[in-house]
């Protein structure tokens, strides 16, 4: 009886083994066919279809154990390349919202499958695409979205001085002046000092002009001085001189306006500024300076006659 049972057990075991071999062979055939479908899709330029096929082939082949090793290795080699290629396609079409996540996936997959070159390639592209996306938003004057876009660039590439400059410009346009100033100063630390200080000077000369228009004369002077602290600006000197004269700070007004004329000797309002300096100097009792400036404008059709009259009294 025991012998009969043993024979039956042996036959069942053989049948199970043969069935397993048959299933494994079928799985390998399916894996190979799926892999070949992926290769055909790749040849036809269908990267997305190829990627799907190779991923399916990988899953099937992994279940086949050692028999599927070659297919598994081939799939692991090509899948990261395809993920990267699709990311580059999105980038070429300027679809940054799809390209950047795709490249991040390429880094992840390449790391999982041990393809360092693909991971490095994808990682190098991400900051470039982030910058392109942010620059496009800035060009389109979409400042509210440009701000976070440039912050993404900086998070990806903290030493990118140009990104800080552009972020500062976007922040300025949104009215976040304090944050913009901090951003420009960081850009200066990263080698963009000339451009950063120019931007800061422009910010504060605009503030100075607005303060002057609002008749906030001390505020105008303070902003103009700050503008010149970053980069000398003829307009800032003019605003400061005009505001100082309104506050009856004649000596300061003369100093500012003289610097304005030094920087802009051919300005359209140069004769008007000369007249102002002459009049303020006359009020301060500085006859020599008053004479010198009145003399400069004796031929001016608007101020000439008054200048001649004042010269006669000095």
Protein backbone atom coordinates (compact mmCIF):
# COMPACT_ATOMS: atom_id res chain seq x y z
CA UNK A 1 0.00 0.00 0.00
CA UNK A 2 2.82 2.34 0.89
CA UNK A 3 4.52 1.58 -2.41
CA UNK A 4 1.39 2.59 -4.34
CA UNK A 5 1.13 5.84 -2.38
CA UNK A 6 4.79 6.64 -3.03
CA UNK A 7 4.39 6.02 -6.75
CA UNK A 8 1.37 8.34 -6.86
CA UNK A 9 3.26 11.02 -4.96
CA UNK A 10 6.20 10.70 -7.34
CA UNK A 11 3.95 11.03 -10.37
CA UNK A 12 2.23 14.11 -8.93
CA UNK A 13 5.61 15.70 -8.22
CA UNK A 14 6.78 15.08 -11.77
CA UNK A 15 3.54 16.49 -13.17
CA UNK A 16 3.88 19.60 -11.00
CA UNK A 17 7.48 20.08 -12.10
CA UNK A 18 6.57 19.71 -15.75
CA UNK A 19 3.73 22.17 -15.31
CA UNK A 20 6.06 24.65 -13.63
CA UNK A 21 8.58 24.27 -16.45
CA UNK A 22 5.80 24.80 -18.97
CA UNK A 23 4.57 27.95 -17.16
CA UNK A 24 8.13 29.26 -16.87
CA UNK A 25 8.73 28.67 -20.56
CA UNK A 26 5.50 30.48 -21.39
CA UNK A 27 6.48 33.39 -19.14
CA UNK A 28 9.88 33.65 -20.81
CA UNK A 29 8.26 33.59 -24.21
CA UNK A 30 5.92 36.39 -23.09
CA UNK A 31 8.82 38.38 -21.60
CA UNK A 32 10.85 38.00 -24.80
CA UNK A 33 7.91 38.95 -27.00
CA UNK A 34 7.14 41.98 -24.84
CA UNK A 35 10.80 43.00 -24.90
CA UNK A 36 10.84 42.72 -28.70
CA UNK A 37 7.69 44.84 -28.88
CA UNK A 38 9.50 47.47 -26.84
CA UNK A 39 12.49 47.35 -29.18
CA UNK A 40 10.17 47.78 -32.17
CA UNK A 41 8.41 50.76 -30.54
CA UNK A 42 11.80 52.30 -29.78
CA UNK A 43 12.89 51.86 -33.39
CA UNK A 44 9.72 53.65 -34.51
CA UNK A 45 10.41 56.58 -32.18
CA UNK A 46 7.63 55.75 -29.73
CA UNK A 47 9.57 56.23 -26.51
CA UNK A 48 6.49 56.15 -24.27
CA UNK A 49 5.25 52.90 -25.80
CA UNK A 50 8.72 51.39 -25.62
CA UNK A 51 9.05 52.33 -21.96
CA UNK A 52 5.74 50.67 -21.12
CA UNK A 53 6.76 47.49 -22.95
CA UNK A 54 10.20 47.28 -21.36
CA UNK A 55 8.74 47.76 -17.90
CA UNK A 56 6.25 44.96 -18.52
CA UNK A 57 9.02 42.73 -19.87
CA UNK A 58 11.14 43.46 -16.80
CA UNK A 59 8.34 42.48 -14.43
CA UNK A 60 7.66 39.22 -16.29
CA UNK A 61 11.34 38.31 -16.66
CA UNK A 62 12.09 38.93 -13.00
CA UNK A 63 9.51 36.27 -12.13
CA UNK A 64 11.38 33.78 -14.32
CA UNK A 65 14.46 33.77 -12.11
CA UNK A 66 17.79 32.98 -13.70
CA UNK A 67 16.24 32.25 -17.09
CA UNK A 68 15.06 35.85 -17.31
CA UNK A 69 18.36 37.41 -16.21
CA UNK A 70 19.42 38.64 -19.66
CA UNK A 71 16.06 40.29 -20.33
CA UNK A 72 16.10 41.81 -16.84
CA UNK A 73 19.58 43.27 -17.35
CA UNK A 74 18.71 44.65 -20.77
CA UNK A 75 15.53 46.25 -19.46
CA UNK A 76 17.34 47.82 -16.51
CA UNK A 77 19.87 49.28 -18.90
CA UNK A 78 17.38 50.84 -21.28
CA UNK A 79 14.55 51.95 -18.96
CA UNK A 80 16.50 54.83 -17.29
CA UNK A 81 17.62 56.02 -20.73
CA UNK A 82 14.03 56.09 -21.95
CA UNK A 83 12.77 57.93 -18.88
CA UNK A 84 15.46 60.53 -19.49
CA UNK A 85 14.72 60.73 -23.21
CA UNK A 86 11.03 61.39 -22.54
CA UNK A 87 12.00 64.10 -20.07
CA UNK A 88 14.16 65.73 -22.75
CA UNK A 89 11.26 65.57 -25.20
CA UNK A 90 9.07 67.47 -22.75
CA UNK A 91 11.88 69.98 -22.23
CA UNK A 92 12.29 70.51 -25.97
CA UNK A 93 8.58 71.31 -26.16
CA UNK A 94 8.98 73.69 -23.19
CA UNK A 95 6.54 71.63 -21.15
CA UNK A 96 8.53 72.19 -17.98
CA UNK A 97 5.81 71.00 -15.62
CA UNK A 98 6.10 67.53 -17.18
CA UNK A 99 9.81 67.62 -17.98
CA UNK A 100 11.08 68.32 -14.47
CA UNK A 101 9.14 65.51 -12.68
CA UNK A 102 10.17 63.18 -15.52
CA UNK A 103 13.84 64.03 -15.00
CA UNK A 104 13.48 63.48 -11.27
CA UNK A 105 12.02 60.07 -12.05
CA UNK A 106 15.01 59.40 -14.31
CA UNK A 107 17.36 60.14 -11.41
CA UNK A 108 15.41 57.80 -9.15
CA UNK A 109 15.23 54.95 -11.67
CA UNK A 110 18.86 55.37 -12.70
CA UNK A 111 19.89 55.21 -9.05
CA UNK A 112 17.82 52.07 -8.52
CA UNK A 113 19.34 50.36 -11.56
CA UNK A 114 22.89 51.60 -11.00
CA UNK A 115 23.19 53.94 -13.99
CA UNK A 116 25.15 56.89 -12.58
CA UNK A 117 25.67 58.62 -15.94
CA UNK A 118 21.93 58.89 -16.58
CA UNK A 119 21.33 60.17 -13.05
CA UNK A 120 24.03 62.84 -13.46
CA UNK A 121 22.70 63.88 -16.88
CA UNK A 122 19.18 64.31 -15.54
CA UNK A 123 20.38 66.14 -12.42
CA UNK A 124 22.35 68.61 -14.54
CA UNK A 125 19.32 69.38 -16.70
CA UNK A 126 16.88 70.18 -13.92
CA UNK A 127 18.39 73.55 -12.84
CA UNK A 128 18.59 74.60 -16.49
CA UNK A 129 14.93 73.84 -17.10
CA UNK A 130 13.86 75.50 -13.88
CA UNK A 131 15.74 78.62 -15.00
CA UNK A 132 14.18 78.52 -18.47
CA UNK A 133 10.72 78.22 -16.93
CA UNK A 134 11.33 81.11 -14.53
CA UNK A 135 12.84 83.31 -17.25
CA UNK A 136 9.79 82.73 -19.43
CA UNK A 137 7.49 83.83 -16.62
CA UNK A 138 9.60 86.94 -16.05
CA UNK A 139 9.56 87.81 -19.77
CA UNK A 140 5.78 87.43 -19.76
CA UNK A 141 5.62 89.75 -16.74
CA UNK A 142 3.99 87.02 -14.70
CA UNK A 143 5.87 88.20 -11.62
CA UNK A 144 3.78 86.44 -8.97
CA UNK A 145 4.58 83.05 -10.52
CA UNK A 146 8.15 83.99 -11.43
CA UNK A 147 9.00 84.48 -7.74
CA UNK A 148 8.40 80.85 -6.66
CA UNK A 149 9.88 79.63 -9.96
CA UNK A 150 13.19 81.38 -9.25
CA UNK A 151 13.12 80.11 -5.69
CA UNK A 152 12.91 76.60 -7.15
CA UNK A 153 15.99 77.39 -9.24
CA UNK A 154 17.88 78.55 -6.17
CA UNK A 155 16.82 75.51 -4.18
CA UNK A 156 18.23 73.35 -6.97
CA UNK A 157 21.33 75.52 -7.52
CA UNK A 158 22.06 77.67 -4.44
CA UNK A 159 25.12 79.31 -6.01
CA UNK A 160 23.27 80.66 -9.06
CA UNK A 161 23.88 84.39 -8.79
CA UNK A 162 21.88 85.18 -11.94
CA UNK A 163 18.85 83.46 -10.46
CA UNK A 164 19.11 85.76 -7.44
CA UNK A 165 19.25 88.80 -9.75
CA UNK A 166 16.13 87.68 -11.61
CA UNK A 167 14.35 86.79 -8.38
CA UNK A 168 15.12 90.26 -7.07
CA UNK A 169 13.63 91.80 -10.21
CA UNK A 170 10.45 89.74 -9.84
CA UNK A 171 10.18 90.60 -6.15
CA UNK A 172 10.61 94.29 -6.95
CA UNK A 173 7.71 94.14 -9.38
CA UNK A 174 5.49 92.54 -6.74
CA UNK A 175 6.35 95.33 -4.29
CA UNK A 176 8.38 93.14 -1.92
CA UNK A 177 11.19 95.69 -1.70
CA UNK A 178 12.79 94.49 1.54
CA UNK A 179 13.00 90.90 0.27
CA UNK A 180 14.23 92.13 -3.11
CA UNK A 181 17.04 94.10 -1.45
CA UNK A 182 18.09 91.04 0.56
CA UNK A 183 18.03 88.96 -2.63
CA UNK A 184 20.16 91.44 -4.59
CA UNK A 185 22.69 91.56 -1.76
CA UNK A 186 22.93 87.76 -1.91
CA UNK A 187 23.48 88.02 -5.66
CA UNK A 188 26.31 90.45 -4.99
CA UNK A 189 27.93 87.90 -2.68
CA UNK A 190 27.75 85.38 -5.52
CA UNK A 191 29.69 87.50 -7.99
CA UNK A 192 26.88 89.67 -9.38
CA UNK A 193 27.82 92.83 -7.48
CA UNK A 194 27.74 95.24 -10.45
CA UNK A 195 24.28 94.22 -11.63
CA UNK A 196 22.93 93.81 -8.10
CA UNK A 197 23.99 97.30 -6.99
CA UNK A 198 22.61 98.79 -10.21
CA UNK A 199 19.25 97.16 -9.52
CA UNK A 200 19.28 98.41 -5.92
CA UNK A 201 20.21 101.92 -7.00
CA UNK A 202 17.31 101.94 -9.46
CA UNK A 203 14.88 100.70 -6.81
CA UNK A 204 15.71 103.51 -4.41
CA UNK A 205 15.85 106.28 -7.00
CA UNK A 206 12.28 105.36 -7.97
CA UNK A 207 11.27 105.44 -4.32
CA UNK A 208 12.99 108.81 -3.97
CA UNK A 209 11.13 110.23 -6.96
CA UNK A 210 7.81 108.96 -5.57
CA UNK A 211 8.54 110.52 -2.18
CA UNK A 212 9.39 113.83 -3.82
CA UNK A 213 6.17 113.78 -5.82
CA UNK A 214 4.27 113.14 -2.60
CA UNK A 215 6.11 116.09 -1.01
CA UNK A 216 7.73 113.80 1.53
CA UNK A 217 11.01 115.63 1.20
CA UNK A 218 13.06 113.94 3.91
CA UNK A 219 11.95 110.53 2.67
CA UNK A 220 13.02 111.56 -0.83
CA UNK A 221 16.46 112.55 0.43
CA UNK A 222 16.89 109.35 2.44
CA UNK A 223 15.96 107.14 -0.53
CA UNK A 224 18.17 109.15 -2.89
CA UNK A 225 21.14 108.82 -0.55
CA UNK A 226 20.55 105.08 -0.31
CA UNK A 227 20.38 104.86 -4.10
CA UNK A 228 23.74 106.59 -4.43
CA UNK A 229 25.15 104.36 -1.71
CA UNK A 230 24.72 101.40 -4.03
CA UNK A 231 25.62 103.18 -7.27
CA UNK A 232 25.89 106.90 -7.99
CA UNK A 233 22.85 108.03 -9.90
CA UNK A 234 22.42 111.49 -11.42
CA UNK A 235 18.66 111.41 -10.96
CA UNK A 236 19.10 110.56 -7.28
CA UNK A 237 21.30 113.63 -6.80
CA UNK A 238 18.72 115.79 -8.59
CA UNK A 239 15.88 114.46 -6.41
CA UNK A 240 17.92 114.94 -3.23
CA UNK A 241 18.88 118.48 -4.26
CA UNK A 242 15.31 119.42 -5.10
CA UNK A 243 13.99 117.96 -1.83
CA UNK A 244 16.72 119.63 0.23
CA UNK A 245 15.93 123.02 -1.32
CA UNK A 246 12.28 122.56 -0.34
CA UNK A 247 13.41 121.95 3.23
CA UNK A 248 15.58 125.10 3.05
CA UNK A 249 18.70 122.98 3.51
CA UNK A 250 20.50 125.16 0.99
CA UNK A 251 24.03 123.88 1.56
CA UNK A 252 22.94 120.25 1.07
CA UNK A 253 20.82 121.19 -1.93
CA UNK A 254 23.79 122.92 -3.58
CA UNK A 255 26.02 119.93 -2.91
CA UNK A 256 23.54 117.47 -4.41
CA UNK A 257 22.76 119.60 -7.45
CA UNK A 258 26.42 120.20 -8.21
CA UNK A 259 26.98 116.45 -8.23
CA UNK A 260 23.98 116.11 -10.51
CA UNK A 261 25.58 118.52 -12.98
CA UNK A 262 28.92 116.73 -12.71
CA UNK A 263 27.26 113.50 -13.77
CA UNK A 264 24.91 115.08 -16.34
CA UNK A 265 26.58 118.25 -17.65
CA UNK A 266 24.47 118.17 -20.82
CA UNK A 267 21.13 117.52 -19.15
CA UNK A 268 18.17 119.41 -20.62
CA UNK A 269 17.56 121.10 -17.28
CA UNK A 270 21.23 121.91 -16.65
CA UNK A 271 20.64 125.67 -16.91
CA UNK A 272 17.69 125.47 -14.55
CA UNK A 273 19.88 123.64 -12.01
CA UNK A 274 22.60 126.28 -12.48
CA UNK A 275 20.06 128.99 -11.74
CA UNK A 276 18.89 127.13 -8.62
CA UNK A 277 22.46 126.70 -7.37
CA UNK A 278 23.20 130.37 -8.03
CA UNK A 279 20.07 131.51 -6.17
CA UNK A 280 20.73 129.21 -3.20
CA UNK A 281 24.35 130.31 -3.04
CA UNK A 282 23.24 133.92 -3.09
CA UNK A 283 20.92 133.25 -0.16
CA UNK A 284 23.81 131.70 1.76
CA UNK A 285 25.96 134.72 1.03
CA UNK A 286 28.38 132.83 -1.19
CA UNK A 287 28.69 135.57 -3.81
CA UNK A 288 31.54 133.97 -5.74
CA UNK A 289 29.66 130.72 -6.33
CA UNK A 290 26.48 132.65 -7.15
CA UNK A 291 28.36 134.74 -9.74
CA UNK A 292 29.96 131.66 -11.27
CA UNK A 293 26.64 129.93 -11.80
CA UNK A 294 24.77 133.01 -12.99
CA UNK A 295 27.56 133.54 -15.52
CA UNK A 296 26.96 130.07 -16.93
CA UNK A 297 23.40 130.94 -17.96
CA UNK A 298 23.56 134.55 -19.18
CA UNK A 299 22.86 133.37 -22.72
CA UNK A 300 19.93 131.17 -21.75
CA UNK A 301 16.63 132.49 -23.21
CA UNK A 302 14.70 131.66 -20.05
CA UNK A 303 17.16 132.50 -17.25
CA UNK A 304 19.59 134.84 -19.00
CA UNK A 305 17.97 138.20 -18.19
CA UNK A 306 17.46 137.34 -14.53
CA UNK A 307 21.05 136.10 -14.32
CA UNK A 308 22.37 139.39 -15.75
CA UNK A 309 20.31 141.39 -13.28
CA UNK A 310 21.58 139.35 -10.34
CA UNK A 311 25.19 139.67 -11.55
CA UNK A 312 24.79 143.46 -11.45
CA UNK A 313 23.69 143.35 -7.84
CA UNK A 314 26.50 141.03 -6.68
